[in-house]
Amino acid sequence: MKALKIMLAAVAFAAIACLPAAAQFRIGPRIGTEVNSMRLNSSLFDNDNRAGFTGGVQVEFTVPVINLGFDASVMYVHRVSNSAQKTATSLPADDQNALNSSSLRKRDYIEIPVNFKYKLGLPVVGKIISPYFFTGPSFAFLASKRAINAAYKNKSFDCAWNFGVGVELIQHLQIGASYGVGLGKSVKYIGLDPNANPIEGKNNYWTVTAAWLF
Protein backbone atom coordinates (compact mmCIF):
# COMPACT_ATOMS: atom_id res chain seq x y z
CA MET A 1 0.00 0.00 0.00
CA LYS A 2 2.86 2.39 0.76
CA ALA A 3 4.43 1.68 -2.64
CA LEU A 4 1.07 2.38 -4.31
CA LYS A 5 0.74 5.74 -2.54
CA ILE A 6 4.25 6.70 -3.67
CA MET A 7 3.36 5.71 -7.24
CA LEU A 8 0.16 7.77 -7.17
CA ALA A 9 2.01 10.79 -5.81
CA ALA A 10 4.67 10.47 -8.53
CA VAL A 11 2.01 10.26 -11.24
CA ALA A 12 0.19 13.32 -9.90
CA PHE A 13 3.43 15.34 -9.68
CA ALA A 14 4.46 14.42 -13.21
CA ALA A 15 1.00 15.25 -14.54
CA ILE A 16 1.08 18.72 -12.97
CA ALA A 17 4.59 19.29 -14.34
CA CYS A 18 3.27 18.63 -17.85
CA LEU A 19 0.67 21.41 -17.69
CA PRO A 20 2.21 24.76 -18.64
CA ALA A 21 -0.05 27.52 -19.87
CA ALA A 22 0.52 26.52 -23.50
CA ALA A 23 -0.56 22.90 -22.99
CA GLN A 24 -3.29 21.62 -25.28
CA PHE A 25 -6.30 19.97 -23.64
CA ARG A 26 -8.61 17.56 -25.49
CA ILE A 27 -11.38 15.19 -24.47
CA GLY A 28 -13.47 12.54 -26.18
CA PRO A 29 -14.97 9.03 -26.14
CA ARG A 30 -12.80 5.92 -26.17
CA ILE A 31 -13.86 2.34 -26.95
CA GLY A 32 -12.08 -0.93 -27.65
CA THR A 33 -11.51 -4.58 -26.94
CA GLU A 34 -9.39 -6.33 -24.35
CA VAL A 35 -7.91 -9.82 -24.43
CA ASN A 36 -7.27 -11.01 -20.91
CA SER A 37 -4.76 -13.64 -19.82
CA MET A 38 -4.33 -14.43 -16.13
CA ARG A 39 -0.85 -15.60 -15.19
CA LEU A 40 -0.88 -17.92 -12.19
CA ASN A 41 1.89 -18.84 -9.77
CA SER A 42 0.99 -22.51 -10.19
CA SER A 43 0.66 -24.91 -13.13
CA LEU A 44 -2.81 -25.84 -11.94
CA PHE A 45 -4.56 -23.90 -14.70
CA ASP A 46 -4.18 -23.85 -18.44
CA ASN A 47 -5.42 -20.45 -19.66
CA ASP A 48 -7.06 -19.56 -22.95
CA ASN A 49 -7.50 -15.93 -23.88
CA ARG A 50 -11.01 -14.52 -24.16
CA ALA A 51 -11.97 -11.15 -25.58
CA GLY A 52 -13.79 -8.56 -23.50
CA PHE A 53 -14.66 -4.93 -24.18
CA THR A 54 -13.99 -1.50 -22.75
CA GLY A 55 -15.45 1.98 -23.14
CA GLY A 56 -15.29 5.38 -21.50
CA VAL A 57 -13.90 8.90 -21.74
CA GLN A 58 -10.32 10.05 -22.32
CA VAL A 59 -8.63 13.39 -21.67
CA GLU A 60 -5.25 14.42 -23.06
CA PHE A 61 -2.75 17.15 -22.25
CA THR A 62 0.07 17.78 -24.72
CA VAL A 63 2.87 20.34 -24.60
CA PRO A 64 3.40 21.77 -28.10
CA VAL A 65 6.82 21.74 -29.77
CA ILE A 66 8.20 18.95 -27.56
CA ASN A 67 5.06 16.82 -28.15
CA LEU A 68 5.20 15.42 -24.62
CA GLY A 69 2.25 15.05 -22.31
CA PHE A 70 -0.10 12.53 -20.75
CA ASP A 71 -3.58 11.14 -21.06
CA ALA A 72 -6.00 9.75 -18.52
CA SER A 73 -9.22 7.79 -18.96
CA VAL A 74 -12.15 6.52 -16.94
CA MET A 75 -13.17 3.20 -18.51
CA TYR A 76 -15.68 0.46 -17.92
CA VAL A 77 -13.91 -2.86 -18.58
CA HIS A 78 -15.45 -6.30 -19.02
CA ARG A 79 -12.78 -9.02 -18.85
CA VAL A 80 -13.22 -12.68 -19.68
CA SER A 81 -10.66 -15.45 -19.18
CA ASN A 82 -11.10 -19.19 -19.45
CA SER A 83 -9.31 -21.65 -17.13
CA ALA A 84 -9.35 -25.43 -17.32
CA GLN A 85 -8.20 -27.60 -14.43
CA LYS A 86 -5.24 -29.89 -15.10
CA THR A 87 -4.36 -31.25 -11.67
CA ALA A 88 -5.17 -30.21 -8.12
CA THR A 89 -3.51 -32.76 -5.88
CA SER A 90 -2.55 -30.09 -3.33
CA LEU A 91 -6.16 -28.94 -2.76
CA PRO A 92 -9.03 -30.52 -0.79
CA ALA A 93 -11.70 -32.37 -2.79
CA ASP A 94 -14.31 -29.65 -2.19
CA ASP A 95 -11.93 -27.01 -3.56
CA GLN A 96 -11.23 -29.17 -6.61
CA ASN A 97 -14.98 -29.40 -7.22
CA ALA A 98 -15.23 -25.62 -6.95
CA LEU A 99 -12.58 -25.26 -9.64
CA ASN A 100 -14.39 -27.70 -11.90
CA SER A 101 -17.70 -25.91 -11.44
CA SER A 102 -16.51 -22.48 -12.57
CA SER A 103 -14.16 -22.50 -15.56
CA LEU A 104 -15.24 -19.25 -17.20
CA ARG A 105 -14.20 -16.07 -15.35
CA LYS A 106 -16.05 -12.82 -16.03
CA ARG A 107 -15.14 -9.64 -14.22
CA ASP A 108 -16.18 -5.99 -14.55
CA TYR A 109 -13.96 -3.09 -13.52
CA ILE A 110 -13.94 0.69 -13.44
CA GLU A 111 -10.42 1.33 -14.68
CA ILE A 112 -8.37 4.54 -14.61
CA PRO A 113 -5.25 4.36 -16.82
CA VAL A 114 -2.82 7.30 -16.69
CA ASN A 115 -0.21 7.32 -19.43
CA PHE A 116 2.82 9.44 -20.22
CA LYS A 117 2.70 10.04 -23.98
CA TYR A 118 5.24 11.11 -26.59
CA LYS A 119 4.20 11.95 -30.14
CA LEU A 120 6.57 11.84 -33.08
CA GLY A 121 6.36 15.14 -34.90
CA LEU A 122 6.66 14.06 -38.52
CA PRO A 123 7.44 16.80 -41.05
CA VAL A 124 4.89 17.54 -43.79
CA VAL A 125 2.47 14.72 -42.84
CA GLY A 126 2.33 15.46 -39.09
CA LYS A 127 -1.20 16.89 -39.32
CA ILE A 128 -2.43 13.78 -41.11
CA ILE A 129 -0.62 10.98 -39.29
CA SER A 130 1.38 11.09 -36.06
CA PRO A 131 2.72 7.95 -34.29
CA TYR A 132 3.01 8.00 -30.50
CA PHE A 133 4.30 5.92 -27.60
CA PHE A 134 2.85 5.72 -24.11
CA THR A 135 3.38 4.04 -20.77
CA GLY A 136 1.92 4.37 -17.31
CA PRO A 137 -0.05 2.80 -14.46
CA SER A 138 -3.64 1.60 -14.56
CA PHE A 139 -5.86 1.39 -11.48
CA ALA A 140 -8.86 -0.95 -11.65
CA PHE A 141 -11.72 -1.16 -9.14
CA LEU A 142 -13.87 -4.28 -9.20
CA ALA A 143 -17.49 -3.54 -10.19
CA SER A 144 -18.78 -7.13 -10.28
CA LYS A 145 -19.13 -9.70 -7.51
CA ARG A 146 -16.02 -10.76 -5.63
CA ALA A 147 -16.86 -14.45 -5.22
CA ILE A 148 -15.71 -16.73 -8.05
CA ASN A 149 -16.66 -20.00 -6.33
CA ALA A 150 -16.27 -21.66 -2.93
CA ALA A 151 -12.48 -21.61 -3.14
CA TYR A 152 -11.59 -18.29 -4.82
CA LYS A 153 -12.62 -14.67 -4.92
CA ASN A 154 -11.60 -11.60 -6.89
CA LYS A 155 -9.80 -8.80 -5.12
CA SER A 156 -11.57 -5.45 -5.12
CA PHE A 157 -8.54 -3.53 -6.47
CA ASP A 158 -6.09 -4.36 -9.23
CA CYS A 159 -3.09 -2.44 -10.55
CA ALA A 160 -1.09 -2.84 -13.75
CA TRP A 161 1.53 -1.02 -15.83
CA ASN A 162 0.81 -0.39 -19.51
CA PHE A 163 3.21 -0.21 -22.46
CA GLY A 164 1.78 0.82 -25.81
CA VAL A 165 2.06 2.37 -29.25
CA GLY A 166 -0.47 4.13 -31.42
CA VAL A 167 -1.14 6.47 -34.27
CA GLU A 168 -3.14 9.70 -34.46
CA LEU A 169 -5.00 10.37 -37.72
CA ILE A 170 -6.25 13.78 -38.92
CA GLN A 171 -5.46 15.23 -35.47
CA HIS A 172 -8.53 13.63 -33.91
CA LEU A 173 -8.66 9.83 -34.20
CA GLN A 174 -6.24 7.90 -31.98
CA ILE A 175 -5.85 4.15 -32.44
CA GLY A 176 -3.62 2.49 -29.84
CA ALA A 177 -2.55 -0.96 -28.68
CA SER A 178 -1.04 -1.71 -25.29
CA TYR A 179 0.04 -4.56 -23.06
CA GLY A 180 -0.75 -4.36 -19.36
CA VAL A 181 1.47 -6.16 -16.86
CA GLY A 182 -0.29 -6.99 -13.60
CA LEU A 183 1.51 -5.61 -10.54
CA GLY A 184 -0.58 -7.31 -7.88
CA LYS A 185 -2.58 -10.47 -7.27
CA SER A 186 -6.15 -10.16 -8.50
CA VAL A 187 -7.45 -13.53 -7.23
CA LYS A 188 -7.35 -14.79 -3.64
CA TYR A 189 -7.64 -18.37 -2.35
CA ILE A 190 -10.30 -18.71 0.37
CA GLY A 191 -10.60 -22.51 0.36
CA LEU A 192 -10.84 -25.05 3.13
CA ASP A 193 -7.18 -25.91 3.60
CA PRO A 194 -5.08 -23.03 5.01
CA ASN A 195 -1.91 -25.01 4.27
CA ALA A 196 -2.75 -25.68 0.61
CA ASN A 197 -0.65 -24.16 -2.15
CA PRO A 198 -2.65 -21.02 -3.02
CA ILE A 199 -3.42 -20.18 -6.62
CA GLU A 200 -3.24 -16.42 -6.90
CA GLY A 201 -2.98 -14.85 -10.34
CA LYS A 202 -2.00 -11.56 -11.90
CA ASN A 203 -3.91 -10.04 -14.80
CA ASN A 204 -1.94 -9.53 -17.99
CA TYR A 205 -3.90 -8.24 -20.97
CA TRP A 206 -3.77 -6.77 -24.47
CA THR A 207 -5.94 -3.74 -25.19
CA VAL A 208 -6.79 -2.16 -28.55
CA THR A 209 -8.79 1.08 -28.44
CA ALA A 210 -9.93 3.96 -30.62
CA ALA A 211 -10.54 7.47 -29.28
CA TRP A 212 -11.93 10.58 -30.95
CA LEU A 213 -10.59 13.72 -29.27
CA PHE A 214 -12.02 17.23 -29.64
C-alpha atoms as a PDB file:
ATOM      1  CA  MET A   1       0.000   0.000   0.000  1.00  0.00           C
ATOM      2  CA  LYS A   2       2.863   2.388   0.763  1.00  0.00           C
ATOM      3  CA  ALA A   3       4.428   1.681  -2.637  1.00  0.00           C
ATOM      4  CA  LEU A   4       1.070   2.378  -4.309  1.00  0.00           C
ATOM      5  CA  LYS A   5       0.739   5.740  -2.538  1.00  0.00           C
ATOM      6  CA  ILE A   6       4.245   6.701  -3.670  1.00  0.00           C
ATOM      7  CA  MET A   7       3.361   5.711  -7.239  1.00  0.00           C
ATOM      8  CA  LEU A   8       0.159   7.771  -7.175  1.00  0.00           C
ATOM      9  CA  ALA A   9       2.008  10.793  -5.814  1.00  0.00           C
ATOM     10  CA  ALA A  10       4.669  10.473  -8.532  1.00  0.00           C
ATOM     11  CA  VAL A  11       2.012  10.263 -11.242  1.00  0.00           C
ATOM     12  CA  ALA A  12       0.186  13.319  -9.896  1.00  0.00           C
ATOM     13  CA  PHE A  13       3.430  15.337  -9.680  1.00  0.00           C
ATOM     14  CA  ALA A  14       4.458  14.417 -13.212  1.00  0.00           C
ATOM     15  CA  ALA A  15       1.003  15.253 -14.538  1.00  0.00           C
ATOM     16  CA  ILE A  16       1.080  18.716 -12.969  1.00  0.00           C
ATOM     17  CA  ALA A  17       4.587  19.290 -14.343  1.00  0.00           C
ATOM     18  CA  CYS A  18       3.267  18.630 -17.850  1.00  0.00           C
ATOM     19  CA  LEU A  19       0.669  21.413 -17.692  1.00  0.00           C
ATOM     20  CA  PRO A  20       2.213  24.756 -18.636  1.00  0.00           C
ATOM     21  CA  ALA A  21      -0.054  27.518 -19.868  1.00  0.00           C
ATOM     22  CA  ALA A  22       0.515  26.523 -23.504  1.00  0.00           C
ATOM     23  CA  ALA A  23      -0.557  22.898 -22.991  1.00  0.00           C
ATOM     24  CA  GLN A  24      -3.289  21.619 -25.282  1.00  0.00           C
ATOM     25  CA  PHE A  25      -6.299  19.972 -23.639  1.00  0.00           C
ATOM     26  CA  ARG A  26      -8.611  17.562 -25.489  1.00  0.00           C
ATOM     27  CA  ILE A  27     -11.380  15.188 -24.475  1.00  0.00           C
ATOM     28  CA  GLY A  28     -13.466  12.538 -26.183  1.00  0.00           C
ATOM     29  CA  PRO A  29     -14.969   9.027 -26.136  1.00  0.00           C
ATOM     30  CA  ARG A  30     -12.803   5.917 -26.171  1.00  0.00           C
ATOM     31  CA  ILE A  31     -13.857   2.340 -26.954  1.00  0.00           C
ATOM     32  CA  GLY A  32     -12.081  -0.926 -27.646  1.00  0.00           C
ATOM     33  CA  THR A  33     -11.512  -4.576 -26.937  1.00  0.00           C
ATOM     34  CA  GLU A  34      -9.392  -6.327 -24.347  1.00  0.00           C
ATOM     35  CA  VAL A  35      -7.911  -9.821 -24.435  1.00  0.00           C
ATOM     36  CA  ASN A  36      -7.274 -11.011 -20.909  1.00  0.00           C
ATOM     37  CA  SER A  37      -4.756 -13.638 -19.816  1.00  0.00           C
ATOM     38  CA  MET A  38      -4.329 -14.428 -16.135  1.00  0.00           C
ATOM     39  CA  ARG A  39      -0.852 -15.603 -15.190  1.00  0.00           C
ATOM     40  CA  LEU A  40      -0.877 -17.922 -12.190  1.00  0.00           C
ATOM     41  CA  ASN A  41       1.887 -18.843  -9.768  1.00  0.00           C
ATOM     42  CA  SER A  42       0.990 -22.513 -10.193  1.00  0.00           C
ATOM     43  CA  SER A  43       0.661 -24.915 -13.133  1.00  0.00           C
ATOM     44  CA  LEU A  44      -2.815 -25.844 -11.937  1.00  0.00           C
ATOM     45  CA  PHE A  45      -4.564 -23.901 -14.702  1.00  0.00           C
ATOM     46  CA  ASP A  46      -4.185 -23.851 -18.444  1.00  0.00           C
ATOM     47  CA  ASN A  47      -5.417 -20.449 -19.658  1.00  0.00           C
ATOM     48  CA  ASP A  48      -7.063 -19.562 -22.952  1.00  0.00           C
ATOM     49  CA  ASN A  49      -7.496 -15.925 -23.875  1.00  0.00           C
ATOM     50  CA  ARG A  50     -11.008 -14.523 -24.162  1.00  0.00           C
ATOM     51  CA  ALA A  51     -11.968 -11.146 -25.585  1.00  0.00           C
ATOM     52  CA  GLY A  52     -13.785  -8.555 -23.497  1.00  0.00           C
ATOM     53  CA  PHE A  53     -14.661  -4.926 -24.179  1.00  0.00           C
ATOM     54  CA  THR A  54     -13.987  -1.497 -22.755  1.00  0.00           C
ATOM     55  CA  GLY A  55     -15.453   1.981 -23.143  1.00  0.00           C
ATOM     56  CA  GLY A  56     -15.287   5.380 -21.502  1.00  0.00           C
ATOM     57  CA  VAL A  57     -13.899   8.903 -21.735  1.00  0.00           C
ATOM     58  CA  GLN A  58     -10.318  10.052 -22.318  1.00  0.00           C
ATOM     59  CA  VAL A  59      -8.626  13.389 -21.667  1.00  0.00           C
ATOM     60  CA  GLU A  60      -5.251  14.418 -23.055  1.00  0.00           C
ATOM     61  CA  PHE A  61      -2.752  17.148 -22.250  1.00  0.00           C
ATOM     62  CA  THR A  62       0.071  17.784 -24.717  1.00  0.00           C
ATOM     63  CA  VAL A  63       2.875  20.344 -24.595  1.00  0.00           C
ATOM     64  CA  PRO A  64       3.397  21.773 -28.104  1.00  0.00           C
ATOM     65  CA  VAL A  65       6.817  21.742 -29.771  1.00  0.00           C
ATOM     66  CA  ILE A  66       8.197  18.954 -27.560  1.00  0.00           C
ATOM     67  CA  ASN A  67       5.056  16.820 -28.151  1.00  0.00           C
ATOM     68  CA  LEU A  68       5.204  15.420 -24.624  1.00  0.00           C
ATOM     69  CA  GLY A  69       2.247  15.049 -22.307  1.00  0.00           C
ATOM     70  CA  PHE A  70      -0.095  12.530 -20.751  1.00  0.00           C
ATOM     71  CA  ASP A  71      -3.576  11.136 -21.063  1.00  0.00           C
ATOM     72  CA  ALA A  72      -5.998   9.748 -18.521  1.00  0.00           C
ATOM     73  CA  SER A  73      -9.220   7.789 -18.962  1.00  0.00           C
ATOM     74  CA  VAL A  74     -12.152   6.523 -16.944  1.00  0.00           C
ATOM     75  CA  MET A  75     -13.166   3.204 -18.508  1.00  0.00           C
ATOM     76  CA  TYR A  76     -15.683   0.458 -17.921  1.00  0.00           C
ATOM     77  CA  VAL A  77     -13.910  -2.859 -18.583  1.00  0.00           C
ATOM     78  CA  HIS A  78     -15.451  -6.304 -19.021  1.00  0.00           C
ATOM     79  CA  ARG A  79     -12.778  -9.024 -18.847  1.00  0.00           C
ATOM     80  CA  VAL A  80     -13.223 -12.681 -19.677  1.00  0.00           C
ATOM     81  CA  SER A  81     -10.661 -15.454 -19.180  1.00  0.00           C
ATOM     82  CA  ASN A  82     -11.104 -19.195 -19.453  1.00  0.00           C
ATOM     83  CA  SER A  83      -9.307 -21.652 -17.131  1.00  0.00           C
ATOM     84  CA  ALA A  84      -9.350 -25.428 -17.317  1.00  0.00           C
ATOM     85  CA  GLN A  85      -8.197 -27.595 -14.432  1.00  0.00           C
ATOM     86  CA  LYS A  86      -5.237 -29.886 -15.100  1.00  0.00           C
ATOM     87  CA  THR A  87      -4.364 -31.247 -11.666  1.00  0.00           C
ATOM     88  CA  ALA A  88      -5.169 -30.214  -8.124  1.00  0.00           C
ATOM     89  CA  THR A  89      -3.509 -32.759  -5.878  1.00  0.00           C
ATOM     90  CA  SER A  90      -2.555 -30.093  -3.327  1.00  0.00           C
ATOM     91  CA  LEU A  91      -6.164 -28.945  -2.758  1.00  0.00           C
ATOM     92  CA  PRO A  92      -9.032 -30.521  -0.788  1.00  0.00           C
ATOM     93  CA  ALA A  93     -11.696 -32.369  -2.793  1.00  0.00           C
ATOM     94  CA  ASP A  94     -14.306 -29.648  -2.188  1.00  0.00           C
ATOM     95  CA  ASP A  95     -11.935 -27.009  -3.561  1.00  0.00           C
ATOM     96  CA  GLN A  96     -11.229 -29.173  -6.612  1.00  0.00           C
ATOM     97  CA  ASN A  97     -14.984 -29.404  -7.217  1.00  0.00           C
ATOM     98  CA  ALA A  98     -15.230 -25.621  -6.945  1.00  0.00           C
ATOM     99  CA  LEU A  99     -12.577 -25.263  -9.638  1.00  0.00           C
ATOM    100  CA  ASN A 100     -14.391 -27.704 -11.902  1.00  0.00           C
ATOM    101  CA  SER A 101     -17.704 -25.909 -11.441  1.00  0.00           C
ATOM    102  CA  SER A 102     -16.506 -22.483 -12.566  1.00  0.00           C
ATOM    103  CA  SER A 103     -14.157 -22.501 -15.559  1.00  0.00           C
ATOM    104  CA  LEU A 104     -15.236 -19.247 -17.204  1.00  0.00           C
ATOM    105  CA  ARG A 105     -14.205 -16.071 -15.350  1.00  0.00           C
ATOM    106  CA  LYS A 106     -16.047 -12.818 -16.034  1.00  0.00           C
ATOM    107  CA  ARG A 107     -15.143  -9.640 -14.216  1.00  0.00           C
ATOM    108  CA  ASP A 108     -16.179  -5.992 -14.545  1.00  0.00           C
ATOM    109  CA  TYR A 109     -13.965  -3.090 -13.525  1.00  0.00           C
ATOM    110  CA  ILE A 110     -13.937   0.691 -13.437  1.00  0.00           C
ATOM    111  CA  GLU A 111     -10.422   1.329 -14.680  1.00  0.00           C
ATOM    112  CA  ILE A 112      -8.368   4.538 -14.613  1.00  0.00           C
ATOM    113  CA  PRO A 113      -5.254   4.357 -16.821  1.00  0.00           C
ATOM    114  CA  VAL A 114      -2.820   7.298 -16.690  1.00  0.00           C
ATOM    115  CA  ASN A 115      -0.207   7.321 -19.425  1.00  0.00           C
ATOM    116  CA  PHE A 116       2.817   9.438 -20.220  1.00  0.00           C
ATOM    117  CA  LYS A 117       2.696  10.037 -23.978  1.00  0.00           C
ATOM    118  CA  TYR A 118       5.238  11.106 -26.585  1.00  0.00           C
ATOM    119  CA  LYS A 119       4.198  11.950 -30.137  1.00  0.00           C
ATOM    120  CA  LEU A 120       6.574  11.839 -33.079  1.00  0.00           C
ATOM    121  CA  GLY A 121       6.356  15.143 -34.898  1.00  0.00           C
ATOM    122  CA  LEU A 122       6.658  14.061 -38.519  1.00  0.00           C
ATOM    123  CA  PRO A 123       7.444  16.803 -41.049  1.00  0.00           C
ATOM    124  CA  VAL A 124       4.890  17.541 -43.793  1.00  0.00           C
ATOM    125  CA  VAL A 125       2.474  14.716 -42.837  1.00  0.00           C
ATOM    126  CA  GLY A 126       2.335  15.463 -39.094  1.00  0.00           C
ATOM    127  CA  LYS A 127      -1.196  16.888 -39.324  1.00  0.00           C
ATOM    128  CA  ILE A 128      -2.432  13.776 -41.114  1.00  0.00           C
ATOM    129  CA  ILE A 129      -0.619  10.984 -39.289  1.00  0.00           C
ATOM    130  CA  SER A 130       1.379  11.092 -36.060  1.00  0.00           C
ATOM    131  CA  PRO A 131       2.718   7.955 -34.289  1.00  0.00           C
ATOM    132  CA  TYR A 132       3.008   7.997 -30.504  1.00  0.00           C
ATOM    133  CA  PHE A 133       4.299   5.916 -27.605  1.00  0.00           C
ATOM    134  CA  PHE A 134       2.854   5.725 -24.111  1.00  0.00           C
ATOM    135  CA  THR A 135       3.381   4.039 -20.770  1.00  0.00           C
ATOM    136  CA  GLY A 136       1.919   4.369 -17.307  1.00  0.00           C
ATOM    137  CA  PRO A 137      -0.047   2.803 -14.460  1.00  0.00           C
ATOM    138  CA  SER A 138      -3.639   1.604 -14.557  1.00  0.00           C
ATOM    139  CA  PHE A 139      -5.859   1.394 -11.477  1.00  0.00           C
ATOM    140  CA  ALA A 140      -8.861  -0.951 -11.653  1.00  0.00           C
ATOM    141  CA  PHE A 141     -11.719  -1.156  -9.144  1.00  0.00           C
ATOM    142  CA  LEU A 142     -13.873  -4.276  -9.203  1.00  0.00           C
ATOM    143  CA  ALA A 143     -17.488  -3.540 -10.193  1.00  0.00           C
ATOM    144  CA  SER A 144     -18.779  -7.130 -10.279  1.00  0.00           C
ATOM    145  CA  LYS A 145     -19.128  -9.697  -7.515  1.00  0.00           C
ATOM    146  CA  ARG A 146     -16.017 -10.759  -5.626  1.00  0.00           C
ATOM    147  CA  ALA A 147     -16.860 -14.445  -5.217  1.00  0.00           C
ATOM    148  CA  ILE A 148     -15.710 -16.733  -8.052  1.00  0.00           C
ATOM    149  CA  ASN A 149     -16.659 -19.995  -6.334  1.00  0.00           C
ATOM    150  CA  ALA A 150     -16.272 -21.663  -2.934  1.00  0.00           C
ATOM    151  CA  ALA A 151     -12.484 -21.609  -3.142  1.00  0.00           C
ATOM    152  CA  TYR A 152     -11.590 -18.294  -4.818  1.00  0.00           C
ATOM    153  CA  LYS A 153     -12.625 -14.672  -4.920  1.00  0.00           C
ATOM    154  CA  ASN A 154     -11.600 -11.602  -6.894  1.00  0.00           C
ATOM    155  CA  LYS A 155      -9.804  -8.798  -5.118  1.00  0.00           C
ATOM    156  CA  SER A 156     -11.572  -5.448  -5.124  1.00  0.00           C
ATOM    157  CA  PHE A 157      -8.540  -3.527  -6.475  1.00  0.00           C
ATOM    158  CA  ASP A 158      -6.086  -4.358  -9.231  1.00  0.00           C
ATOM    159  CA  CYS A 159      -3.092  -2.438 -10.547  1.00  0.00           C
ATOM    160  CA  ALA A 160      -1.091  -2.845 -13.751  1.00  0.00           C
ATOM    161  CA  TRP A 161       1.531  -1.021 -15.828  1.00  0.00           C
ATOM    162  CA  ASN A 162       0.811  -0.394 -19.509  1.00  0.00           C
ATOM    163  CA  PHE A 163       3.212  -0.215 -22.460  1.00  0.00           C
ATOM    164  CA  GLY A 164       1.783   0.816 -25.808  1.00  0.00           C
ATOM    165  CA  VAL A 165       2.057   2.371 -29.245  1.00  0.00           C
ATOM    166  CA  GLY A 166      -0.472   4.125 -31.417  1.00  0.00           C
ATOM    167  CA  VAL A 167      -1.139   6.473 -34.273  1.00  0.00           C
ATOM    168  CA  GLU A 168      -3.144   9.695 -34.462  1.00  0.00           C
ATOM    169  CA  LEU A 169      -5.000  10.367 -37.716  1.00  0.00           C
ATOM    170  CA  ILE A 170      -6.247  13.779 -38.923  1.00  0.00           C
ATOM    171  CA  GLN A 171      -5.463  15.231 -35.475  1.00  0.00           C
ATOM    172  CA  HIS A 172      -8.529  13.625 -33.908  1.00  0.00           C
ATOM    173  CA  LEU A 173      -8.660   9.831 -34.199  1.00  0.00           C
ATOM    174  CA  GLN A 174      -6.245   7.900 -31.979  1.00  0.00           C
ATOM    175  CA  ILE A 175      -5.851   4.146 -32.439  1.00  0.00           C
ATOM    176  CA  GLY A 176      -3.623   2.491 -29.838  1.00  0.00           C
ATOM    177  CA  ALA A 177      -2.552  -0.955 -28.682  1.00  0.00           C
ATOM    178  CA  SER A 178      -1.041  -1.711 -25.294  1.00  0.00           C
ATOM    179  CA  TYR A 179       0.040  -4.563 -23.063  1.00  0.00           C
ATOM    180  CA  GLY A 180      -0.748  -4.364 -19.360  1.00  0.00           C
ATOM    181  CA  VAL A 181       1.473  -6.161 -16.861  1.00  0.00           C
ATOM    182  CA  GLY A 182      -0.289  -6.993 -13.600  1.00  0.00           C
ATOM    183  CA  LEU A 183       1.506  -5.614 -10.536  1.00  0.00           C
ATOM    184  CA  GLY A 184      -0.577  -7.313  -7.878  1.00  0.00           C
ATOM    185  CA  LYS A 185      -2.583 -10.471  -7.274  1.00  0.00           C
ATOM    186  CA  SER A 186      -6.149 -10.156  -8.501  1.00  0.00           C
ATOM    187  CA  VAL A 187      -7.452 -13.526  -7.229  1.00  0.00           C
ATOM    188  CA  LYS A 188      -7.349 -14.788  -3.636  1.00  0.00           C
ATOM    189  CA  TYR A 189      -7.643 -18.370  -2.349  1.00  0.00           C
ATOM    190  CA  ILE A 190     -10.300 -18.713   0.369  1.00  0.00           C
ATOM    191  CA  GLY A 191     -10.601 -22.506   0.364  1.00  0.00           C
ATOM    192  CA  LEU A 192     -10.840 -25.053   3.129  1.00  0.00           C
ATOM    193  CA  ASP A 193      -7.180 -25.907   3.603  1.00  0.00           C
ATOM    194  CA  PRO A 194      -5.083 -23.029   5.011  1.00  0.00           C
ATOM    195  CA  ASN A 195      -1.915 -25.012   4.271  1.00  0.00           C
ATOM    196  CA  ALA A 196      -2.753 -25.681   0.615  1.00  0.00           C
ATOM    197  CA  ASN A 197      -0.646 -24.155  -2.146  1.00  0.00           C
ATOM    198  CA  PRO A 198      -2.649 -21.018  -3.017  1.00  0.00           C
ATOM    199  CA  ILE A 199      -3.418 -20.177  -6.616  1.00  0.00           C
ATOM    200  CA  GLU A 200      -3.237 -16.423  -6.902  1.00  0.00           C
ATOM    201  CA  GLY A 201      -2.984 -14.850 -10.338  1.00  0.00           C
ATOM    202  CA  LYS A 202      -1.996 -11.557 -11.905  1.00  0.00           C
ATOM    203  CA  ASN A 203      -3.911 -10.041 -14.799  1.00  0.00           C
ATOM    204  CA  ASN A 204      -1.936  -9.534 -17.992  1.00  0.00           C
ATOM    205  CA  TYR A 205      -3.901  -8.244 -20.972  1.00  0.00           C
ATOM    206  CA  TRP A 206      -3.767  -6.769 -24.473  1.00  0.00           C
ATOM    207  CA  THR A 207      -5.941  -3.743 -25.191  1.00  0.00           C
ATOM    208  CA  VAL A 208      -6.794  -2.161 -28.549  1.00  0.00           C
ATOM    209  CA  THR A 209      -8.794   1.082 -28.443  1.00  0.00           C
ATOM    210  CA  ALA A 210      -9.929   3.956 -30.620  1.00  0.00           C
ATOM    211  CA  ALA A 211     -10.544   7.466 -29.281  1.00  0.00           C
ATOM    212  CA  TRP A 212     -11.931  10.581 -30.946  1.00  0.00           C
ATOM    213  CA  LEU A 213     -10.588  13.717 -29.269  1.00  0.00           C
ATOM    214  CA  PHE A 214     -12.021  17.225 -29.642  1.00  0.00           C
END
